[in-house]
Protein backbone atom coordinates (compact mmCIF):
# COMPACT_ATOMS: atom_id res chain seq x y z
CA MET A 1 0.00 0.00 0.00
CA THR A 2 1.28 3.43 -0.86
CA GLU A 3 1.40 5.65 2.18
CA GLU A 4 -0.43 8.83 1.27
CA VAL A 5 -0.92 12.09 3.10
CA LEU A 6 -3.57 14.65 2.26
CA LEU A 7 -1.99 17.92 3.36
CA VAL A 8 -4.35 20.90 3.68
CA GLU A 9 -2.70 24.25 4.41
CA ASP A 10 -3.74 27.67 3.11
CA ASP A 11 -0.29 29.31 3.43
CA PRO A 12 1.62 28.32 0.26
CA LEU A 13 5.07 28.58 1.90
CA VAL A 14 4.07 26.46 4.90
CA ARG A 15 2.27 24.00 2.60
CA GLU A 16 5.39 23.65 0.45
CA ALA A 17 7.66 23.15 3.48
CA LEU A 18 5.36 20.53 5.03
CA ALA A 19 4.92 18.77 1.68
CA GLN A 20 8.68 18.65 1.23
CA THR A 21 9.15 17.18 4.73
CA LEU A 22 6.56 14.49 3.99
CA ASP A 23 7.94 13.86 0.51
CA LEU A 24 11.47 13.39 1.87
CA ALA A 25 10.02 10.81 4.26
CA GLU A 26 8.72 9.03 1.11
CA TYR A 27 5.03 9.73 1.55
CA LYS A 28 2.88 10.44 -1.48
CA VAL A 29 1.58 13.93 -0.76
CA HIS A 30 -1.69 15.42 -2.02
CA ALA A 31 -1.29 19.10 -1.22
CA ALA A 32 -4.34 21.35 -1.12
CA GLY A 33 -4.83 24.96 -0.14
CA SER A 34 -8.39 24.69 1.15
CA PHE A 35 -11.19 22.39 2.22
CA VAL A 36 -12.81 22.72 -1.21
CA ALA A 37 -9.61 21.61 -2.97
CA ALA A 38 -9.18 18.68 -0.56
CA LYS A 39 -12.67 17.25 -0.12
CA ASP A 40 -12.68 15.13 -3.27
CA VAL A 41 -9.66 13.13 -2.01
CA ILE A 42 -11.39 12.22 1.25
CA ALA A 43 -13.07 8.84 0.87
CA PRO A 44 -13.66 5.73 2.99
CA GLU A 45 -10.86 3.80 1.32
CA PHE A 46 -8.30 6.64 1.21
CA PRO A 47 -5.09 4.73 1.98
CA GLY A 48 -3.50 7.37 4.15
CA VAL A 49 -3.99 10.15 6.64
CA ILE A 50 -4.93 13.82 6.64
CA VAL A 51 -2.77 16.62 7.99
CA THR A 52 -4.63 19.93 8.07
CA ASP A 53 -4.26 23.43 9.37
CA ILE A 54 -7.09 24.55 11.63
CA ARG A 55 -7.32 28.24 10.79
CA MET A 56 -8.06 28.66 7.10
CA PRO A 57 -10.34 31.02 5.19
CA GLY A 58 -13.73 29.56 4.40
CA ARG A 59 -14.07 26.08 5.84
CA ASP A 60 -11.59 25.54 8.67
CA GLY A 61 -9.77 22.45 9.88
CA PHE A 62 -12.56 21.54 12.29
CA HIS A 63 -15.01 21.49 9.38
CA LEU A 64 -12.58 19.29 7.44
CA LEU A 65 -12.28 16.99 10.47
CA ASP A 66 -16.08 16.69 10.68
CA TYR A 67 -16.31 16.03 6.94
CA ALA A 68 -13.58 13.38 7.08
CA ARG A 69 -15.20 11.66 10.07
CA ALA A 70 -18.53 11.62 8.20
CA GLN A 71 -16.86 9.97 5.18
CA ASP A 72 -14.86 7.49 7.28
CA GLY A 73 -14.96 7.59 11.06
CA GLU A 74 -11.62 5.78 11.22
CA LEU A 75 -9.66 8.11 8.93
CA PRO A 76 -6.87 9.69 11.02
CA VAL A 77 -6.79 13.49 10.93
CA ILE A 78 -3.87 15.41 12.40
CA LEU A 79 -4.67 19.05 13.16
CA LEU A 80 -2.03 21.79 13.00
CA THR A 81 -2.28 25.33 14.27
CA GLY A 82 -0.04 28.26 14.93
CA GLU A 83 -2.53 29.81 17.34
CA GLY A 84 -3.52 26.93 19.55
CA ASP A 85 -4.57 26.89 23.16
CA ILE A 86 -5.72 24.25 25.60
CA PRO A 87 -9.47 24.58 24.85
CA MET A 88 -8.74 24.21 21.13
CA ALA A 89 -6.62 21.10 21.76
CA VAL A 90 -9.33 19.61 23.96
CA ARG A 91 -11.95 20.32 21.30
CA ALA A 92 -9.77 18.70 18.63
CA MET A 93 -9.39 15.51 20.61
CA GLN A 94 -13.07 15.43 21.61
CA ASP A 95 -14.03 15.85 17.95
CA GLY A 96 -11.94 12.82 17.01
CA ALA A 97 -8.62 14.24 15.82
CA PHE A 98 -5.79 11.74 15.83
CA ASP A 99 -3.31 14.37 17.02
CA PHE A 100 -3.00 18.09 17.60
CA LEU A 101 0.31 19.80 16.80
CA GLU A 102 1.39 23.42 17.11
CA LYS A 103 3.16 25.17 14.23
CA PRO A 104 5.92 25.48 13.63
CA CYS A 105 6.31 21.84 14.56
CA ASP A 106 9.54 19.96 14.55
CA PRO A 107 9.70 17.70 11.46
CA LYS A 108 10.49 14.70 13.67
CA THR A 109 7.36 15.34 15.72
CA LEU A 110 5.21 15.66 12.60
CA LEU A 111 6.68 12.54 11.00
CA ALA A 112 6.29 10.53 14.22
CA SER A 113 2.61 11.50 14.40
CA VAL A 114 2.07 10.69 10.72
CA GLU A 115 3.82 7.34 11.13
CA ARG A 116 1.60 6.39 14.09
CA ALA A 117 -1.48 7.45 12.14
CA MET A 118 -0.32 5.44 9.11
CA LYS A 119 0.08 2.30 11.22
CA LEU A 120 -3.42 2.74 12.58
CA ARG A 121 -4.81 3.37 9.08
CA ALA A 122 -3.09 0.26 7.70
CA LEU A 123 -4.66 -1.86 10.45
CA VAL A 124 -8.10 -0.38 9.82
CA LEU A 125 -7.91 -1.03 6.06
CA GLU A 126 -6.53 -4.55 6.57
CA ASN A 127 -9.33 -5.31 9.02
CA ARG A 128 -11.91 -4.08 6.51
CA ALA A 129 -10.38 -6.22 3.76
CA LEU A 130 -10.48 -9.29 6.00
CA LYS A 131 -14.11 -8.63 6.89
CA ARG A 132 -14.99 -8.30 3.20
CA ARG A 133 -13.29 -11.61 2.48
CA LEU A 134 -15.25 -13.26 5.27
CA THR A 135 -18.55 -11.95 3.97
CA ARG A 136 -17.68 -13.02 0.41
CA GLY A 137 -17.20 -16.56 1.63
CA ASP A 138 -13.50 -17.11 0.93
CA HIS A 139 -13.20 -20.22 3.05
CA ALA A 140 -9.55 -20.71 2.15
CA ALA A 141 -8.65 -17.30 3.55
CA ARG A 142 -10.51 -18.09 6.78
CA MET A 143 -8.91 -21.51 7.16
CA ILE A 144 -5.34 -20.55 6.27
CA PRO A 145 -4.34 -17.12 7.55
CA GLY A 146 -1.13 -15.31 6.67
CA LYS A 147 0.51 -13.37 3.87
CA SER A 148 3.48 -15.60 3.10
CA ALA A 149 3.97 -17.34 -0.23
CA VAL A 150 3.51 -20.71 1.49
CA ALA A 151 0.16 -19.68 2.99
CA GLN A 152 -0.98 -18.30 -0.37
CA ASN A 153 0.07 -21.55 -2.08
CA TYR A 154 -1.97 -23.60 0.40
CA ARG A 155 -4.98 -21.33 -0.11
CA ASP A 156 -4.67 -21.67 -3.90
CA ARG A 157 -4.51 -25.46 -3.62
CA LEU A 158 -7.51 -25.54 -1.31
CA ARG A 159 -9.49 -23.38 -3.75
CA ALA A 160 -8.50 -25.62 -6.66
CA VAL A 161 -9.69 -28.71 -4.78
CA ALA A 162 -12.97 -27.03 -3.89
CA ALA A 163 -13.48 -25.90 -7.49
CA ALA A 164 -12.84 -29.40 -8.79
CA GLY A 165 -15.57 -30.75 -6.55
CA GLN A 166 -13.21 -33.14 -4.85
CA GLY A 167 -13.10 -33.41 -1.13
CA TRP A 168 -11.36 -35.37 1.52
CA ALA A 169 -13.94 -38.13 1.26
CA GLY A 170 -12.96 -38.76 -2.36
CA GLY A 171 -9.46 -39.67 -1.27
CA THR A 172 -7.69 -37.20 -3.55
CA CYS A 173 -6.85 -33.71 -2.63
CA GLY A 174 -3.89 -32.92 -4.90
CA CYS A 175 -1.66 -32.46 -1.87
CA ARG A 176 1.56 -34.31 -1.13
């Protein structure tokens, strides 16, 4: 999975600096200057996280957070602000923000937060994929877990046996 970051920042110089920091850390960055420019990227299966400024003209970061949570309640949103205070931080966390950082933030702090959010996002998307497989009835995936080539080979063999209509009672399973 490509690790993607939707970066929403109205100040072009700050946006460029943050995008460069994320790019150097090998994230695919979607940079936007406003909520309107960013909203079409926000979707339930977006494979990354959102980093957004709070204070922006028009729709602010809290509006973006609400929109993102409505699209996907498990999409991590990291809020940034240069004018933060304790009530604002409390509100951010109560509204479901993954993290709240003050600008200018140390690149290591930003990248650590993004990395934690990415790990959470990867687990959420993997869990959803597993649930979809279960509801589709992929019995081989339920019976033989794992991502290794050996596990995949066993699953493929099990599917082939099932497709051939042969079972254990027939005495042949194609396995050695």
